Each structure stands twice: as C-alpha cells, then as structure tokens.
Amino acid sequence: YLQMNSLKPEDTAVYYCNAQTIRLSA
C-alpha cells in the first residue's frame, strides 16, 4: 500500500507497482 498525504501537483503521474522475486521483476 502507499498512503499519500499532502499531495502536490508535482505528484501527478502514473503510479506503477513492482514486485520482485529472485527470478523476475513484475
């Protein structure tokens, strides 16, 4: 989870989640 407080206009973006194992990055 990502709790985002006090957001600013410069936080505008597409946010991507990444999961890494020993074998891959998804």
mmCIF file of all heavy atoms, coordinates in Angstrom:
data_MODEL
# 
_entry.id   MODEL 
# 
loop_
_atom_site.group_PDB 
_atom_site.id 
_atom_site.type_symbol 
_atom_site.label_atom_id 
_atom_site.label_alt_id 
_atom_site.label_comp_id 
_atom_site.label_asym_id 
_atom_site.label_entity_id 
_atom_site.label_seq_id 
_atom_site.pdbx_PDB_ins_code 
_atom_site.Cartn_x 
_atom_site.Cartn_y 
_atom_site.Cartn_z 
_atom_site.occupancy 
_atom_site.B_iso_or_equiv 
_atom_site.pdbx_formal_charge 
_atom_site.auth_seq_id 
_atom_site.auth_comp_id 
_atom_site.auth_asym_id 
_atom_site.auth_atom_id 
_atom_site.pdbx_PDB_model_num 
ATOM 1   N N   . TYR A 1 1  ? 0.842  -1.183  0.000   1.00 0.00 ? 1  TYR A N   1 
ATOM 2   C CA  . TYR A 1 1  ? 0.000  0.000   0.000   1.00 0.00 ? 1  TYR A CA  1 
ATOM 3   C C   . TYR A 1 1  ? 0.889  1.249   0.000   1.00 0.00 ? 1  TYR A C   1 
ATOM 4   O O   . TYR A 1 1  ? 2.007  1.226   0.493   1.00 0.00 ? 1  TYR A O   1 
ATOM 5   C CB  . TYR A 1 1  ? -0.899 0.022   1.238   1.00 0.00 ? 1  TYR A CB  1 
ATOM 6   C CG  . TYR A 1 1  ? -1.675 -1.252  1.442   1.00 0.00 ? 1  TYR A CG  1 
ATOM 7   C CD1 . TYR A 1 1  ? -1.199 -2.245  2.302   1.00 0.00 ? 1  TYR A CD1 1 
ATOM 8   C CD2 . TYR A 1 1  ? -2.876 -1.483  0.770   1.00 0.00 ? 1  TYR A CD2 1 
ATOM 9   C CE1 . TYR A 1 1  ? -1.893 -3.415  2.495   1.00 0.00 ? 1  TYR A CE1 1 
ATOM 10  C CE2 . TYR A 1 1  ? -3.570 -2.657  0.956   1.00 0.00 ? 1  TYR A CE2 1 
ATOM 11  C CZ  . TYR A 1 1  ? -3.084 -3.626  1.810   1.00 0.00 ? 1  TYR A CZ  1 
ATOM 12  O OH  . TYR A 1 1  ? -3.771 -4.796  1.993   1.00 0.00 ? 1  TYR A OH  1 
ATOM 13  N N   . LEU A 1 2  ? 0.331  2.312   -0.527  1.00 0.00 ? 2  LEU A N   1 
ATOM 14  C CA  . LEU A 1 2  ? 1.016  3.599   -0.494  1.00 0.00 ? 2  LEU A CA  1 
ATOM 15  C C   . LEU A 1 2  ? 0.015  4.654   -0.040  1.00 0.00 ? 2  LEU A C   1 
ATOM 16  O O   . LEU A 1 2  ? -0.907 4.993   -0.782  1.00 0.00 ? 2  LEU A O   1 
ATOM 17  C CB  . LEU A 1 2  ? 1.602  3.967   -1.855  1.00 0.00 ? 2  LEU A CB  1 
ATOM 18  C CG  . LEU A 1 2  ? 2.468  5.220   -1.868  1.00 0.00 ? 2  LEU A CG  1 
ATOM 19  C CD1 . LEU A 1 2  ? 3.751  5.001   -1.061  1.00 0.00 ? 2  LEU A CD1 1 
ATOM 20  C CD2 . LEU A 1 2  ? 2.800  5.639   -3.299  1.00 0.00 ? 2  LEU A CD2 1 
ATOM 21  N N   . GLN A 1 3  ? 0.190  5.123   1.181   1.00 0.00 ? 3  GLN A N   1 
ATOM 22  C CA  . GLN A 1 3  ? -0.646 6.214   1.696   1.00 0.00 ? 3  GLN A CA  1 
ATOM 23  C C   . GLN A 1 3  ? 0.023  7.522   1.312   1.00 0.00 ? 3  GLN A C   1 
ATOM 24  O O   . GLN A 1 3  ? 1.171  7.781   1.710   1.00 0.00 ? 3  GLN A O   1 
ATOM 25  C CB  . GLN A 1 3  ? -0.778 6.115   3.215   1.00 0.00 ? 3  GLN A CB  1 
ATOM 26  C CG  . GLN A 1 3  ? -1.595 7.225   3.833   1.00 0.00 ? 3  GLN A CG  1 
ATOM 27  C CD  . GLN A 1 3  ? -3.047 7.206   3.405   1.00 0.00 ? 3  GLN A CD  1 
ATOM 28  O OE1 . GLN A 1 3  ? -3.669 6.152   3.347   1.00 0.00 ? 3  GLN A OE1 1 
ATOM 29  N NE2 . GLN A 1 3  ? -3.585 8.383   3.097   1.00 0.00 ? 3  GLN A NE2 1 
ATOM 30  N N   . MET A 1 4  ? -0.683 8.340   0.567   1.00 0.00 ? 4  MET A N   1 
ATOM 31  C CA  . MET A 1 4  ? -0.131 9.599   0.073   1.00 0.00 ? 4  MET A CA  1 
ATOM 32  C C   . MET A 1 4  ? -0.902 10.757  0.681   1.00 0.00 ? 4  MET A C   1 
ATOM 33  O O   . MET A 1 4  ? -2.101 10.904  0.427   1.00 0.00 ? 4  MET A O   1 
ATOM 34  C CB  . MET A 1 4  ? -0.207 9.650   -1.458  1.00 0.00 ? 4  MET A CB  1 
ATOM 35  C CG  . MET A 1 4  ? 0.457  8.467   -2.136  1.00 0.00 ? 4  MET A CG  1 
ATOM 36  S SD  . MET A 1 4  ? 0.495  8.609   -3.937  1.00 0.00 ? 4  MET A SD  1 
ATOM 37  C CE  . MET A 1 4  ? -1.251 8.508   -4.305  1.00 0.00 ? 4  MET A CE  1 
ATOM 38  N N   . ASN A 1 5  ? -0.227 11.532  1.496   1.00 0.00 ? 5  ASN A N   1 
ATOM 39  C CA  . ASN A 1 5  ? -0.823 12.697  2.146   1.00 0.00 ? 5  ASN A CA  1 
ATOM 40  C C   . ASN A 1 5  ? -0.161 13.982  1.642   1.00 0.00 ? 5  ASN A C   1 
ATOM 41  O O   . ASN A 1 5  ? 0.924  13.942  1.050   1.00 0.00 ? 5  ASN A O   1 
ATOM 42  C CB  . ASN A 1 5  ? -0.654 12.598  3.662   1.00 0.00 ? 5  ASN A CB  1 
ATOM 43  C CG  . ASN A 1 5  ? -1.345 11.392  4.253   1.00 0.00 ? 5  ASN A CG  1 
ATOM 44  O OD1 . ASN A 1 5  ? -2.382 10.929  3.765   1.00 0.00 ? 5  ASN A OD1 1 
ATOM 45  N ND2 . ASN A 1 5  ? -0.792 10.861  5.329   1.00 0.00 ? 5  ASN A ND2 1 
ATOM 46  N N   . SER A 1 6  ? -0.814 15.081  1.893   1.00 0.00 ? 6  SER A N   1 
ATOM 47  C CA  . SER A 1 6  ? -0.283 16.391  1.494   1.00 0.00 ? 6  SER A CA  1 
ATOM 48  C C   . SER A 1 6  ? 0.161  16.380  0.036   1.00 0.00 ? 6  SER A C   1 
ATOM 49  O O   . SER A 1 6  ? 1.257  16.828  -0.307  1.00 0.00 ? 6  SER A O   1 
ATOM 50  C CB  . SER A 1 6  ? 0.894  16.777  2.395   1.00 0.00 ? 6  SER A CB  1 
ATOM 51  O OG  . SER A 1 6  ? 0.512  16.807  3.752   1.00 0.00 ? 6  SER A OG  1 
ATOM 52  N N   . LEU A 1 7  ? -0.714 15.885  -0.811  1.00 0.00 ? 7  LEU A N   1 
ATOM 53  C CA  . LEU A 1 7  ? -0.368 15.746  -2.226  1.00 0.00 ? 7  LEU A CA  1 
ATOM 54  C C   . LEU A 1 7  ? -0.149 17.102  -2.881  1.00 0.00 ? 7  LEU A C   1 
ATOM 55  O O   . LEU A 1 7  ? -0.812 18.098  -2.547  1.00 0.00 ? 7  LEU A O   1 
ATOM 56  C CB  . LEU A 1 7  ? -1.444 14.957  -2.954  1.00 0.00 ? 7  LEU A CB  1 
ATOM 57  C CG  . LEU A 1 7  ? -1.370 13.442  -2.724  1.00 0.00 ? 7  LEU A CG  1 
ATOM 58  C CD1 . LEU A 1 7  ? -2.700 12.775  -3.050  1.00 0.00 ? 7  LEU A CD1 1 
ATOM 59  C CD2 . LEU A 1 7  ? -0.250 12.834  -3.557  1.00 0.00 ? 7  LEU A CD2 1 
ATOM 60  N N   . LYS A 1 8  ? 0.781  17.102  -3.825  1.00 0.00 ? 8  LYS A N   1 
ATOM 61  C CA  . LYS A 1 8  ? 1.136  18.312  -4.559  1.00 0.00 ? 8  LYS A CA  1 
ATOM 62  C C   . LYS A 1 8  ? 0.893  18.084  -6.052  1.00 0.00 ? 8  LYS A C   1 
ATOM 63  O O   . LYS A 1 8  ? 0.928  16.939  -6.516  1.00 0.00 ? 8  LYS A O   1 
ATOM 64  C CB  . LYS A 1 8  ? 2.614  18.644  -4.338  1.00 0.00 ? 8  LYS A CB  1 
ATOM 65  C CG  . LYS A 1 8  ? 3.023  18.800  -2.896  1.00 0.00 ? 8  LYS A CG  1 
ATOM 66  C CD  . LYS A 1 8  ? 4.537  19.013  -2.787  1.00 0.00 ? 8  LYS A CD  1 
ATOM 67  C CE  . LYS A 1 8  ? 4.967  19.145  -1.347  1.00 0.00 ? 8  LYS A CE  1 
ATOM 68  N NZ  . LYS A 1 8  ? 6.440  19.342  -1.218  1.00 0.00 ? 8  LYS A NZ  1 
ATOM 69  N N   . PRO A 1 9  ? 0.682  19.138  -6.812  1.00 0.00 ? 9  PRO A N   1 
ATOM 70  C CA  . PRO A 1 9  ? 0.503  18.963  -8.261  1.00 0.00 ? 9  PRO A CA  1 
ATOM 71  C C   . PRO A 1 9  ? 1.656  18.198  -8.910  1.00 0.00 ? 9  PRO A C   1 
ATOM 72  O O   . PRO A 1 9  ? 1.433  17.441  -9.866  1.00 0.00 ? 9  PRO A O   1 
ATOM 73  C CB  . PRO A 1 9  ? 0.416  20.406  -8.769  1.00 0.00 ? 9  PRO A CB  1 
ATOM 74  C CG  . PRO A 1 9  ? -0.166 21.162  -7.623  1.00 0.00 ? 9  PRO A CG  1 
ATOM 75  C CD  . PRO A 1 9  ? 0.438  20.532  -6.400  1.00 0.00 ? 9  PRO A CD  1 
ATOM 76  N N   . GLU A 1 10 ? 2.854  18.370  -8.395  1.00 0.00 ? 10 GLU A N   1 
ATOM 77  C CA  . GLU A 1 10 ? 4.001  17.672  -8.970  1.00 0.00 ? 10 GLU A CA  1 
ATOM 78  C C   . GLU A 1 10 ? 4.006  16.175  -8.673  1.00 0.00 ? 10 GLU A C   1 
ATOM 79  O O   . GLU A 1 10 ? 4.846  15.435  -9.199  1.00 0.00 ? 10 GLU A O   1 
ATOM 80  C CB  . GLU A 1 10 ? 5.327  18.285  -8.502  1.00 0.00 ? 10 GLU A CB  1 
ATOM 81  C CG  . GLU A 1 10 ? 5.443  18.469  -7.013  1.00 0.00 ? 10 GLU A CG  1 
ATOM 82  C CD  . GLU A 1 10 ? 5.078  19.883  -6.574  1.00 0.00 ? 10 GLU A CD  1 
ATOM 83  O OE1 . GLU A 1 10 ? 4.066  20.423  -7.082  1.00 0.00 ? 10 GLU A OE1 1 
ATOM 84  O OE2 . GLU A 1 10 ? 5.808  20.436  -5.715  1.00 0.00 ? 10 GLU A OE2 1 
ATOM 85  N N   . ASP A 1 11 ? 3.068  15.704  -7.856  1.00 0.00 ? 11 ASP A N   1 
ATOM 86  C CA  . ASP A 1 11 ? 2.918  14.265  -7.632  1.00 0.00 ? 11 ASP A CA  1 
ATOM 87  C C   . ASP A 1 11 ? 2.082  13.615  -8.735  1.00 0.00 ? 11 ASP A C   1 
ATOM 88  O O   . ASP A 1 11 ? 1.952  12.389  -8.774  1.00 0.00 ? 11 ASP A O   1 
ATOM 89  C CB  . ASP A 1 11 ? 2.251  13.987  -6.282  1.00 0.00 ? 11 ASP A CB  1 
ATOM 90  C CG  . ASP A 1 11 ? 3.109  14.409  -5.105  1.00 0.00 ? 11 ASP A CG  1 
ATOM 91  O OD1 . ASP A 1 11 ? 4.327  14.142  -5.135  1.00 0.00 ? 11 ASP A OD1 1 
ATOM 92  O OD2 . ASP A 1 11 ? 2.559  14.998  -4.151  1.00 0.00 ? 11 ASP A OD2 1 
ATOM 93  N N   . THR A 1 12 ? 1.502  14.432  -9.613  1.00 0.00 ? 12 THR A N   1 
ATOM 94  C CA  . THR A 1 12 ? 0.704  13.907  -10.714 1.00 0.00 ? 12 THR A CA  1 
ATOM 95  C C   . THR A 1 12 ? 1.554  13.011  -11.600 1.00 0.00 ? 12 THR A C   1 
ATOM 96  O O   . THR A 1 12 ? 2.622  13.412  -12.075 1.00 0.00 ? 12 THR A O   1 
ATOM 97  C CB  . THR A 1 12 ? 0.122  15.054  -11.546 1.00 0.00 ? 12 THR A CB  1 
ATOM 98  O OG1 . THR A 1 12 ? -0.796 15.798  -10.733 1.00 0.00 ? 12 THR A OG1 1 
ATOM 99  C CG2 . THR A 1 12 ? -0.605 14.534  -12.775 1.00 0.00 ? 12 THR A CG2 1 
ATOM 100 N N   . ALA A 1 13 ? 1.090  11.785  -11.812 1.00 0.00 ? 13 ALA A N   1 
ATOM 101 C CA  . ALA A 1 13 ? 1.843  10.803  -12.595 1.00 0.00 ? 13 ALA A CA  1 
ATOM 102 C C   . ALA A 1 13 ? 1.031  9.517   -12.689 1.00 0.00 ? 13 ALA A C   1 
ATOM 103 O O   . ALA A 1 13 ? 0.003  9.372   -12.016 1.00 0.00 ? 13 ALA A O   1 
ATOM 104 C CB  . ALA A 1 13 ? 3.193  10.500  -11.935 1.00 0.00 ? 13 ALA A CB  1 
ATOM 105 N N   . VAL A 1 14 ? 1.508  8.610   -13.514 1.00 0.00 ? 14 VAL A N   1 
ATOM 106 C CA  . VAL A 1 14 ? 1.008  7.237   -13.475 1.00 0.00 ? 14 VAL A CA  1 
ATOM 107 C C   . VAL A 1 14 ? 1.872  6.483   -12.470 1.00 0.00 ? 14 VAL A C   1 
ATOM 108 O O   . VAL A 1 14 ? 3.105  6.510   -12.574 1.00 0.00 ? 14 VAL A O   1 
ATOM 109 C CB  . VAL A 1 14 ? 1.068  6.564   -14.850 1.00 0.00 ? 14 VAL A CB  1 
ATOM 110 C CG1 . VAL A 1 14 ? 0.594  5.115   -14.742 1.00 0.00 ? 14 VAL A CG1 1 
ATOM 111 C CG2 . VAL A 1 14 ? 0.219  7.322   -15.860 1.00 0.00 ? 14 VAL A CG2 1 
ATOM 112 N N   . TYR A 1 15 ? 1.233  5.842   -11.521 1.00 0.00 ? 15 TYR A N   1 
ATOM 113 C CA  . TYR A 1 15 ? 1.937  5.128   -10.482 1.00 0.00 ? 15 TYR A CA  1 
ATOM 114 C C   . TYR A 1 15 ? 1.889  3.625   -10.794 1.00 0.00 ? 15 TYR A C   1 
ATOM 115 O O   . TYR A 1 15 ? 0.821  3.070   -11.037 1.00 0.00 ? 15 TYR A O   1 
ATOM 116 C CB  . TYR A 1 15 ? 1.308  5.409   -9.118  1.00 0.00 ? 15 TYR A CB  1 
ATOM 117 C CG  . TYR A 1 15 ? 1.687  6.771   -8.583  1.00 0.00 ? 15 TYR A CG  1 
ATOM 118 C CD1 . TYR A 1 15 ? 1.217  7.936   -9.181  1.00 0.00 ? 15 TYR A CD1 1 
ATOM 119 C CD2 . TYR A 1 15 ? 2.544  6.896   -7.496  1.00 0.00 ? 15 TYR A CD2 1 
ATOM 120 C CE1 . TYR A 1 15 ? 1.592  9.192   -8.708  1.00 0.00 ? 15 TYR A CE1 1 
ATOM 121 C CE2 . TYR A 1 15 ? 2.909  8.142   -7.008  1.00 0.00 ? 15 TYR A CE2 1 
ATOM 122 C CZ  . TYR A 1 15 ? 2.434  9.279   -7.616  1.00 0.00 ? 15 TYR A CZ  1 
ATOM 123 O OH  . TYR A 1 15 ? 2.806  10.518  -7.142  1.00 0.00 ? 15 TYR A OH  1 
ATOM 124 N N   . TYR A 1 16 ? 3.060  3.021   -10.770 1.00 0.00 ? 16 TYR A N   1 
ATOM 125 C CA  . TYR A 1 16 ? 3.197  1.600   -11.089 1.00 0.00 ? 16 TYR A CA  1 
ATOM 126 C C   . TYR A 1 16 ? 3.667  0.827   -9.863  1.00 0.00 ? 16 TYR A C   1 
ATOM 127 O O   . TYR A 1 16 ? 4.538  1.288   -9.121  1.00 0.00 ? 16 TYR A O   1 
ATOM 128 C CB  . TYR A 1 16 ? 4.231  1.396   -12.203 1.00 0.00 ? 16 TYR A CB  1 
ATOM 129 C CG  . TYR A 1 16 ? 3.849  1.989   -13.530 1.00 0.00 ? 16 TYR A CG  1 
ATOM 130 C CD1 . TYR A 1 16 ? 4.218  3.294   -13.848 1.00 0.00 ? 16 TYR A CD1 1 
ATOM 131 C CD2 . TYR A 1 16 ? 3.132  1.255   -14.464 1.00 0.00 ? 16 TYR A CD2 1 
ATOM 132 C CE1 . TYR A 1 16 ? 3.880  3.844   -15.070 1.00 0.00 ? 16 TYR A CE1 1 
ATOM 133 C CE2 . TYR A 1 16 ? 2.790  1.809   -15.690 1.00 0.00 ? 16 TYR A CE2 1 
ATOM 134 C CZ  . TYR A 1 16 ? 3.161  3.104   -15.972 1.00 0.00 ? 16 TYR A CZ  1 
ATOM 135 O OH  . TYR A 1 16 ? 2.822  3.652   -17.183 1.00 0.00 ? 16 TYR A OH  1 
ATOM 136 N N   . CYS A 1 17 ? 3.120  -0.357  -9.704  1.00 0.00 ? 17 CYS A N   1 
ATOM 137 C CA  . CYS A 1 17 ? 3.548  -1.260  -8.647  1.00 0.00 ? 17 CYS A CA  1 
ATOM 138 C C   . CYS A 1 17 ? 4.526  -2.270  -9.245  1.00 0.00 ? 17 CYS A C   1 
ATOM 139 O O   . CYS A 1 17 ? 4.361  -2.729  -10.378 1.00 0.00 ? 17 CYS A O   1 
ATOM 140 C CB  . CYS A 1 17 ? 2.345  -1.988  -8.059  1.00 0.00 ? 17 CYS A CB  1 
ATOM 141 S SG  . CYS A 1 17 ? 2.739  -3.150  -6.744  1.00 0.00 ? 17 CYS A SG  1 
ATOM 142 N N   . ASN A 1 18 ? 5.532  -2.603  -8.472  1.00 0.00 ? 18 ASN A N   1 
ATOM 143 C CA  . ASN A 1 18 ? 6.540  -3.576  -8.899  1.00 0.00 ? 18 ASN A CA  1 
ATOM 144 C C   . ASN A 1 18 ? 6.714  -4.629  -7.819  1.00 0.00 ? 18 ASN A C   1 
ATOM 145 O O   . ASN A 1 18 ? 6.755  -4.309  -6.639  1.00 0.00 ? 18 ASN A O   1 
ATOM 146 C CB  . ASN A 1 18 ? 7.861  -2.874  -9.167  1.00 0.00 ? 18 ASN A CB  1 
ATOM 147 C CG  . ASN A 1 18 ? 8.987  -3.848  -9.469  1.00 0.00 ? 18 ASN A CG  1 
ATOM 148 O OD1 . ASN A 1 18 ? 9.764  -4.220  -8.588  1.00 0.00 ? 18 ASN A OD1 1 
ATOM 149 N ND2 . ASN A 1 18 ? 9.069  -4.266  -10.709 1.00 0.00 ? 18 ASN A ND2 1 
ATOM 150 N N   . ALA A 1 19 ? 6.820  -5.874  -8.250  1.00 0.00 ? 19 ALA A N   1 
ATOM 151 C CA  . ALA A 1 19 ? 7.089  -6.981  -7.338  1.00 0.00 ? 19 ALA A CA  1 
ATOM 152 C C   . ALA A 1 19 ? 8.306  -7.731  -7.844  1.00 0.00 ? 19 ALA A C   1 
ATOM 153 O O   . ALA A 1 19 ? 8.379  -8.069  -9.027  1.00 0.00 ? 19 ALA A O   1 
ATOM 154 C CB  . ALA A 1 19 ? 5.889  -7.917  -7.256  1.00 0.00 ? 19 ALA A CB  1 
ATOM 155 N N   . GLN A 1 20 ? 9.252  -7.983  -6.952  1.00 0.00 ? 20 GLN A N   1 
ATOM 156 C CA  . GLN A 1 20 ? 10.489 -8.655  -7.361  1.00 0.00 ? 20 GLN A CA  1 
ATOM 157 C C   . GLN A 1 20 ? 10.678 -9.944  -6.585  1.00 0.00 ? 20 GLN A C   1 
ATOM 158 O O   . GLN A 1 20 ? 10.567 -9.972  -5.364  1.00 0.00 ? 20 GLN A O   1 
ATOM 159 C CB  . GLN A 1 20 ? 11.688 -7.732  -7.123  1.00 0.00 ? 20 GLN A CB  1 
ATOM 160 C CG  . GLN A 1 20 ? 11.711 -6.508  -8.006  1.00 0.00 ? 20 GLN A CG  1 
ATOM 161 C CD  . GLN A 1 20 ? 13.073 -5.849  -8.066  1.00 0.00 ? 20 GLN A CD  1 
ATOM 162 O OE1 . GLN A 1 20 ? 14.058 -6.423  -7.633  1.00 0.00 ? 20 GLN A OE1 1 
ATOM 163 N NE2 . GLN A 1 20 ? 13.129 -4.646  -8.614  1.00 0.00 ? 20 GLN A NE2 1 
ATOM 164 N N   . THR A 1 21 ? 10.992 -11.002 -7.337  1.00 0.00 ? 21 THR A N   1 
ATOM 165 C CA  . THR A 1 21 ? 11.421 -12.247 -6.724  1.00 0.00 ? 21 THR A CA  1 
ATOM 166 C C   . THR A 1 21 ? 12.857 -12.492 -7.167  1.00 0.00 ? 21 THR A C   1 
ATOM 167 O O   . THR A 1 21 ? 13.449 -11.662 -7.862  1.00 0.00 ? 21 THR A O   1 
ATOM 168 C CB  . THR A 1 21 ? 10.538 -13.427 -7.163  1.00 0.00 ? 21 THR A CB  1 
ATOM 169 O OG1 . THR A 1 21 ? 10.821 -13.723 -8.536  1.00 0.00 ? 21 THR A OG1 1 
ATOM 170 C CG2 . THR A 1 21 ? 9.064  -13.092 -7.037  1.00 0.00 ? 21 THR A CG2 1 
ATOM 171 N N   . ILE A 1 22 ? 13.410 -13.608 -6.787  1.00 0.00 ? 22 ILE A N   1 
ATOM 172 C CA  . ILE A 1 22 ? 14.774 -13.924 -7.182  1.00 0.00 ? 22 ILE A CA  1 
ATOM 173 C C   . ILE A 1 22 ? 14.853 -14.144 -8.689  1.00 0.00 ? 22 ILE A C   1 
ATOM 174 O O   . ILE A 1 22 ? 15.911 -13.994 -9.300  1.00 0.00 ? 22 ILE A O   1 
ATOM 175 C CB  . ILE A 1 22 ? 15.303 -15.152 -6.413  1.00 0.00 ? 22 ILE A CB  1 
ATOM 176 C CG1 . ILE A 1 22 ? 16.835 -15.263 -6.561  1.00 0.00 ? 22 ILE A CG1 1 
ATOM 177 C CG2 . ILE A 1 22 ? 14.582 -16.419 -6.863  1.00 0.00 ? 22 ILE A CG2 1 
ATOM 178 C CD1 . ILE A 1 22 ? 17.438 -16.309 -5.658  1.00 0.00 ? 22 ILE A CD1 1 
ATOM 179 N N   . ARG A 1 23 ? 13.727 -14.464 -9.306  1.00 0.00 ? 23 ARG A N   1 
ATOM 180 C CA  . ARG A 1 23 ? 13.711 -14.800 -10.726 1.00 0.00 ? 23 ARG A CA  1 
ATOM 181 C C   . ARG A 1 23 ? 13.212 -13.690 -11.631 1.00 0.00 ? 23 ARG A C   1 
ATOM 182 O O   . ARG A 1 23 ? 13.580 -13.628 -12.789 1.00 0.00 ? 23 ARG A O   1 
ATOM 183 C CB  . ARG A 1 23 ? 12.845 -16.035 -10.960 1.00 0.00 ? 23 ARG A CB  1 
ATOM 184 C CG  . ARG A 1 23 ? 13.375 -17.303 -10.338 1.00 0.00 ? 23 ARG A CG  1 
ATOM 185 C CD  . ARG A 1 23 ? 12.471 -18.482 -10.664 1.00 0.00 ? 23 ARG A CD  1 
ATOM 186 N NE  . ARG A 1 23 ? 12.960 -19.735 -10.100 1.00 0.00 ? 23 ARG A NE  1 
ATOM 187 C CZ  . ARG A 1 23 ? 12.703 -20.128 -8.872  1.00 0.00 ? 23 ARG A CZ  1 
ATOM 188 N NH1 . ARG A 1 23 ? 11.973 -19.393 -8.083  1.00 0.00 ? 23 ARG A NH1 1 
ATOM 189 N NH2 . ARG A 1 23 ? 13.181 -21.270 -8.444  1.00 0.00 ? 23 ARG A NH2 1 
ATOM 190 N N   . LEU A 1 24 ? 12.349 -12.823 -11.136 1.00 0.00 ? 24 LEU A N   1 
ATOM 191 C CA  . LEU A 1 24 ? 11.723 -11.869 -12.048 1.00 0.00 ? 24 LEU A CA  1 
ATOM 192 C C   . LEU A 1 24 ? 11.334 -10.575 -11.366 1.00 0.00 ? 24 LEU A C   1 
ATOM 193 O O   . LEU A 1 24 ? 11.317 -10.457 -10.143 1.00 0.00 ? 24 LEU A O   1 
ATOM 194 C CB  . LEU A 1 24 ? 10.485 -12.506 -12.695 1.00 0.00 ? 24 LEU A CB  1 
ATOM 195 C CG  . LEU A 1 24 ? 9.377  -12.978 -11.771 1.00 0.00 ? 24 LEU A CG  1 
ATOM 196 C CD1 . LEU A 1 24 ? 8.450  -11.858 -11.362 1.00 0.00 ? 24 LEU A CD1 1 
ATOM 197 C CD2 . LEU A 1 24 ? 8.556  -14.079 -12.459 1.00 0.00 ? 24 LEU A CD2 1 
ATOM 198 N N   . SER A 1 25 ? 11.044 -9.600  -12.219 1.00 0.00 ? 25 SER A N   1 
ATOM 199 C CA  . SER A 1 25 ? 10.534 -8.304  -11.784 1.00 0.00 ? 25 SER A CA  1 
ATOM 200 C C   . SER A 1 25 ? 9.243  -8.070  -12.551 1.00 0.00 ? 25 SER A C   1 
ATOM 201 O O   . SER A 1 25 ? 9.252  -7.974  -13.777 1.00 0.00 ? 25 SER A O   1 
ATOM 202 C CB  . SER A 1 25 ? 11.557 -7.208  -12.101 1.00 0.00 ? 25 SER A CB  1 
ATOM 203 O OG  . SER A 1 25 ? 11.060 -5.944  -11.747 1.00 0.00 ? 25 SER A OG  1 
ATOM 204 N N   . ALA A 1 26 ? 8.131  -7.988  -11.839 1.00 0.00 ? 26 ALA A N   1 
ATOM 205 C CA  . ALA A 1 26 ? 6.819  -7.873  -12.472 1.00 0.00 ? 26 ALA A CA  1 
ATOM 206 C C   . ALA A 1 26 ? 6.213  -6.512  -12.211 1.00 0.00 ? 26 ALA A C   1 
ATOM 207 O O   . ALA A 1 26 ? 6.310  -5.973  -11.107 1.00 0.00 ? 26 ALA A O   1 
ATOM 208 C CB  . ALA A 1 26 ? 5.900  -8.964  -11.948 1.00 0.00 ? 26 ALA A CB  1 
# 
